[in-house]
Amino acid sequence: MPVLAQEPTVYPDDLLTSLPPLDESADRVWWAVYTRSRQEKAVARELFQYEVPFYLPLIPSDRVVKGRRIRSFLPLFAGYIFVFGTDDERIMTLKTNRISRILPVTDQERLRRDLSQVRQLIASDAPLSVERRLEAGQKTRIKTGPFRDFEGTIVRRQGRQRLIVAVSFLNQGISIEIEDALLQPT
């Protein structure tokens, strides 16, 4: 199956794994950047060239075009890219002319933790489902296995249990099927 080239999704590569504590990086903060329609990857390419730290979660999508299966990578959160930058870098992002608005993030540490979990789930190649509207449910933590200490909300779908890992700021997330025995209430 042909695979379309994947765009840069994070800059630098260790952005979500080696950040200093927020008080040490006071000049840099997270911004949720809402792009114009279908401009997420173009913004990521420009930010990559300018060396502005960002994260654009992309997930694989398989489709059939003229009888051939093609895999492409689509933004997990349509219209959003996350920038970890200074005020000057935020202005540089606006100068791409591909931005609709930039939203300030009130809970910096929570967004950072949520994005880190999302990145790890995407990297695991586990079958994920996009969750557009999150509903209240039991909060839980995975107690064992490769996703140990991930936190989320449990929902039931078609008789199967799924854990939703949410980016609370956007009220969106992804879910993974998981067994009851791996979970503990928080």
Protein backbone atom coordinates (compact mmCIF):
# COMPACT_ATOMS: atom_id res chain seq x y z
CA MET A 1 0.00 0.00 0.00
CA PRO A 2 1.46 3.41 -0.92
CA VAL A 3 2.11 5.67 2.02
CA LEU A 4 2.06 9.42 1.56
CA ALA A 5 5.00 11.15 3.20
CA GLN A 6 4.31 12.12 6.77
CA GLU A 7 4.61 15.78 7.66
CA PRO A 8 6.65 17.00 10.64
CA THR A 9 4.50 16.46 13.72
CA VAL A 10 6.72 17.79 16.48
CA TYR A 11 9.64 20.14 16.76
CA PRO A 12 11.99 19.52 18.43
CA ASP A 13 11.63 15.73 18.59
CA ASP A 14 11.87 15.69 22.39
CA LEU A 15 9.43 18.58 22.92
CA LEU A 16 6.97 16.63 25.07
CA THR A 17 9.53 14.46 26.84
CA SER A 18 12.27 16.82 27.96
CA LEU A 19 10.58 20.09 28.81
CA PRO A 20 11.98 21.91 31.83
CA PRO A 21 9.53 22.63 34.65
CA LEU A 22 7.18 25.42 33.64
CA ASP A 23 8.67 27.89 36.11
CA GLU A 24 12.08 27.48 34.39
CA SER A 25 10.59 28.07 30.92
CA ALA A 26 8.59 31.15 31.90
CA ASP A 27 9.25 32.87 28.58
CA ARG A 28 7.67 29.95 26.69
CA VAL A 29 4.05 28.93 27.10
CA TRP A 30 1.62 26.65 25.28
CA TRP A 31 -0.80 28.17 22.78
CA ALA A 32 -3.65 26.36 21.02
CA VAL A 33 -3.49 27.67 17.47
CA TYR A 34 -6.69 27.37 15.45
CA THR A 35 -5.80 27.36 11.76
CA ARG A 36 -7.77 28.26 8.69
CA SER A 37 -9.49 25.30 7.07
CA ARG A 38 -7.09 22.45 6.19
CA GLN A 39 -3.95 24.47 6.96
CA GLU A 40 -2.57 22.48 9.91
CA LYS A 41 0.24 20.75 8.00
CA ALA A 42 1.23 23.93 6.14
CA VAL A 43 1.53 25.78 9.46
CA ALA A 44 3.60 22.90 10.87
CA ARG A 45 5.97 23.06 7.88
CA GLU A 46 6.45 26.81 8.34
CA LEU A 47 6.98 26.52 12.09
CA PHE A 48 9.50 23.74 11.44
CA GLN A 49 11.44 26.05 9.08
CA TYR A 50 11.36 28.87 11.66
CA GLU A 51 12.40 26.40 14.41
CA VAL A 52 9.37 27.29 16.55
CA PRO A 53 8.48 24.43 18.95
CA PHE A 54 5.11 22.84 18.08
CA TYR A 55 3.09 19.63 18.23
CA LEU A 56 0.63 18.55 15.54
CA PRO A 57 -0.86 15.15 16.40
CA LEU A 58 -1.41 13.20 13.16
CA ILE A 59 -3.06 9.79 12.86
CA PRO A 60 -2.95 7.39 9.91
CA SER A 61 -5.97 7.19 7.64
CA ASP A 62 -6.39 4.51 4.98
CA ARG A 63 -8.61 5.11 1.98
CA VAL A 64 -9.16 3.74 -1.51
CA VAL A 65 -8.52 6.05 -4.46
CA LYS A 66 -9.10 4.70 -7.97
CA GLY A 67 -8.92 1.13 -6.68
CA ARG A 68 -5.66 1.64 -4.75
CA ARG A 69 -5.30 1.77 -0.99
CA ILE A 70 -3.49 4.87 0.19
CA ARG A 71 -2.40 5.75 3.71
CA SER A 72 -2.22 9.41 4.62
CA PHE A 73 -1.87 11.20 7.94
CA LEU A 74 -4.65 13.47 9.18
CA PRO A 75 -4.72 15.91 12.10
CA LEU A 76 -6.19 14.30 15.21
CA PHE A 77 -7.75 17.61 16.24
CA ALA A 78 -9.01 19.20 13.04
CA GLY A 79 -7.90 22.81 12.82
CA TYR A 80 -5.54 22.78 15.82
CA ILE A 81 -1.78 22.84 16.26
CA PHE A 82 -0.09 23.40 19.62
CA VAL A 83 2.77 25.89 19.86
CA PHE A 84 5.19 26.10 22.80
CA GLY A 85 6.71 29.48 22.24
CA THR A 86 7.54 32.97 23.31
CA ASP A 87 5.35 35.94 22.52
CA ASP A 88 7.60 36.73 19.52
CA GLU A 89 7.13 33.17 18.22
CA ARG A 90 3.37 33.51 18.67
CA ILE A 91 3.48 36.63 16.49
CA MET A 92 5.65 34.78 13.95
CA THR A 93 2.96 32.08 13.86
CA LEU A 94 0.31 34.70 13.10
CA LYS A 95 2.44 35.99 10.20
CA THR A 96 1.96 32.70 8.33
CA ASN A 97 -1.47 34.07 7.30
CA ARG A 98 -2.89 30.59 7.89
CA ILE A 99 -4.20 31.25 11.41
CA SER A 100 -7.78 31.95 12.39
CA ARG A 101 -7.07 32.64 16.08
CA ILE A 102 -4.71 31.76 18.90
CA LEU A 103 -6.18 30.60 22.18
CA PRO A 104 -4.31 31.07 25.46
CA VAL A 105 -3.97 27.95 27.61
CA THR A 106 -4.88 28.51 31.26
CA ASP A 107 -3.66 25.16 32.64
CA GLN A 108 -0.23 24.76 31.02
CA GLU A 109 0.81 21.62 32.90
CA ARG A 110 -2.46 19.80 32.17
CA LEU A 111 -2.24 20.50 28.43
CA ARG A 112 1.39 19.35 28.39
CA ARG A 113 0.47 16.11 30.18
CA ASP A 114 -2.54 15.50 27.89
CA LEU A 115 -0.49 16.08 24.73
CA SER A 116 2.28 13.81 26.00
CA GLN A 117 -0.23 10.99 26.58
CA VAL A 118 -1.78 11.53 23.14
CA ARG A 119 1.67 11.35 21.51
CA GLN A 120 2.51 8.11 23.32
CA LEU A 121 -0.80 6.51 22.30
CA ILE A 122 -0.30 7.49 18.65
CA ALA A 123 3.28 6.13 18.73
CA SER A 124 2.04 2.80 20.13
CA ASP A 125 0.22 1.97 16.86
CA ALA A 126 -2.71 0.73 18.95
CA PRO A 127 -6.10 0.98 17.20
CA LEU A 128 -7.44 4.38 18.25
CA SER A 129 -10.83 6.02 17.83
CA VAL A 130 -11.29 9.78 17.66
CA GLU A 131 -13.71 11.06 20.30
CA ARG A 132 -15.26 14.40 19.42
CA ARG A 133 -17.60 14.94 22.35
CA LEU A 134 -16.50 13.71 25.70
CA GLU A 135 -19.07 12.78 28.29
CA ALA A 136 -18.73 12.58 32.02
CA GLY A 137 -17.80 9.13 33.31
CA GLN A 138 -15.62 7.43 35.83
CA LYS A 139 -12.07 8.76 36.01
CA THR A 140 -9.47 6.03 36.03
CA ARG A 141 -5.78 5.24 35.68
CA ILE A 142 -4.13 2.30 33.93
CA LYS A 143 -2.22 0.37 36.59
CA THR A 144 -0.11 -1.98 34.47
CA GLY A 145 1.15 -2.56 30.96
CA PRO A 146 2.65 -0.27 28.31
CA PHE A 147 0.19 2.54 29.12
CA ARG A 148 0.79 2.44 32.87
CA ASP A 149 -0.19 5.68 34.68
CA PHE A 150 -2.22 7.04 31.75
CA GLU A 151 -5.33 8.73 33.08
CA GLY A 152 -8.66 9.02 31.36
CA THR A 153 -12.40 8.49 31.52
CA ILE A 154 -14.11 5.17 30.97
CA VAL A 155 -16.97 4.84 28.49
CA ARG A 156 -18.75 1.77 27.18
CA ARG A 157 -19.30 1.26 23.47
CA GLN A 158 -20.96 -1.70 21.81
CA GLY A 159 -20.41 -3.80 24.91
CA ARG A 160 -16.69 -3.08 25.02
CA GLN A 161 -14.89 -0.86 27.48
CA ARG A 162 -12.83 2.05 26.15
CA LEU A 163 -10.56 4.49 27.94
CA ILE A 164 -10.70 8.04 26.62
CA VAL A 165 -7.51 10.07 26.90
CA ALA A 166 -8.67 13.63 26.55
CA VAL A 167 -7.17 16.97 25.76
CA SER A 168 -9.49 18.74 28.16
CA PHE A 169 -8.74 22.16 26.73
CA LEU A 170 -10.37 21.14 23.42
CA ASN A 171 -12.98 18.80 24.89
CA GLN A 172 -11.73 16.16 22.45
CA GLY A 173 -9.60 13.06 22.72
CA ILE A 174 -8.85 9.57 21.53
CA SER A 175 -9.88 6.23 22.96
CA ILE A 176 -8.39 2.79 23.20
CA GLU A 177 -10.07 -0.51 24.01
CA ILE A 178 -8.88 -1.80 27.37
CA GLU A 179 -9.63 -4.59 29.83
CA ASP A 180 -11.19 -3.88 33.25
CA ALA A 181 -8.37 -5.70 35.03
CA LEU A 182 -5.83 -3.09 33.92
CA LEU A 183 -7.70 -0.17 35.49
CA GLN A 184 -7.97 1.42 38.91
CA PRO A 185 -10.22 4.31 39.92
CA THR A 186 -8.54 7.65 40.65
